[in-house]
Amino acid sequence: MATTEKVTTYTLKQAIAAKVGDHVEIAVEAEDGTRFKIVATAEQLDVLTGDLESILDSDDADAEAAE
């Protein structure tokens, strides 16, 4: 995604995922009631999972360093 594109930010209320054929669908509801669906391949979700794990591991390391 280019940095010049307009992006709308939503705060997550809930999300559920289901395998549908050869892809995964993630149904999302935002706190403002907006609902949308994300369709992704397993490979895309692997990359996303890796990104999220890195972020959470970094947060854990920062919390431990502060103790």
Protein backbone atom coordinates (compact mmCIF):
# COMPACT_ATOMS: atom_id res chain seq x y z
CA MET A 1 0.00 0.00 0.00
CA ALA A 2 1.45 3.36 -0.97
CA THR A 3 1.80 5.95 1.77
CA THR A 4 -0.14 8.53 -0.25
CA GLU A 5 -3.35 6.49 -0.29
CA LYS A 6 -6.17 7.45 2.07
CA VAL A 7 -6.73 4.83 4.77
CA THR A 8 -9.66 4.58 7.17
CA THR A 9 -8.83 3.30 10.65
CA TYR A 10 -11.33 1.23 12.60
CA THR A 11 -11.08 -0.05 16.17
CA LEU A 12 -11.73 -3.78 16.27
CA LYS A 13 -14.77 -4.99 18.19
CA GLN A 14 -14.63 -8.62 17.07
CA ALA A 15 -13.38 -10.86 14.30
CA ILE A 16 -13.99 -14.45 13.27
CA ALA A 17 -12.30 -16.57 10.63
CA ALA A 18 -13.40 -19.49 8.46
CA LYS A 19 -11.75 -21.60 5.77
CA VAL A 20 -13.74 -21.29 2.53
CA GLY A 21 -12.46 -23.34 -0.37
CA ASP A 22 -8.86 -22.35 -1.09
CA HIS A 23 -8.83 -19.18 1.05
CA VAL A 24 -9.66 -17.87 4.52
CA GLU A 25 -12.37 -15.30 5.18
CA ILE A 26 -12.11 -13.05 8.21
CA ALA A 27 -15.35 -11.29 9.16
CA VAL A 28 -14.64 -8.10 11.09
CA GLU A 29 -16.86 -5.76 13.07
CA ALA A 30 -15.56 -2.37 14.17
CA GLU A 31 -16.66 -0.55 17.31
CA ASP A 32 -18.68 1.89 15.18
CA GLY A 33 -20.69 -1.01 13.73
CA THR A 34 -18.90 -1.11 10.37
CA ARG A 35 -18.67 -4.68 9.11
CA PHE A 36 -16.44 -6.02 6.38
CA LYS A 37 -14.80 -9.23 5.24
CA ILE A 38 -11.17 -9.87 4.42
CA VAL A 39 -10.35 -12.67 1.96
CA ALA A 40 -6.77 -13.96 2.20
CA THR A 41 -4.61 -16.85 1.10
CA ALA A 42 -2.82 -19.06 3.59
CA GLU A 43 0.48 -17.48 2.50
CA GLN A 44 -0.81 -13.96 3.19
CA LEU A 45 -1.96 -15.03 6.64
CA ASP A 46 1.42 -16.66 7.36
CA VAL A 47 3.12 -13.32 6.66
CA LEU A 48 0.59 -11.46 8.81
CA THR A 49 1.02 -13.95 11.65
CA GLY A 50 4.78 -13.50 11.51
CA ASP A 51 4.40 -9.72 11.68
CA LEU A 52 2.03 -9.95 14.66
CA GLU A 53 4.32 -12.38 16.51
CA SER A 54 7.26 -9.99 16.02
CA ILE A 55 5.25 -7.07 17.38
CA LEU A 56 4.05 -9.04 20.42
CA ASP A 57 7.52 -10.44 21.12
CA SER A 58 8.93 -6.92 21.00
CA ASP A 59 6.25 -5.69 23.42
CA ASP A 60 7.09 -8.56 25.81
CA ALA A 61 10.81 -7.76 25.63
CA ASP A 62 10.13 -4.07 26.32
CA ALA A 63 7.96 -4.94 29.34
CA GLU A 64 10.63 -7.27 30.75
CA ALA A 65 13.33 -4.62 30.28
CA ALA A 66 11.22 -2.10 32.19
CA GLU A 67 10.98 -4.38 35.26
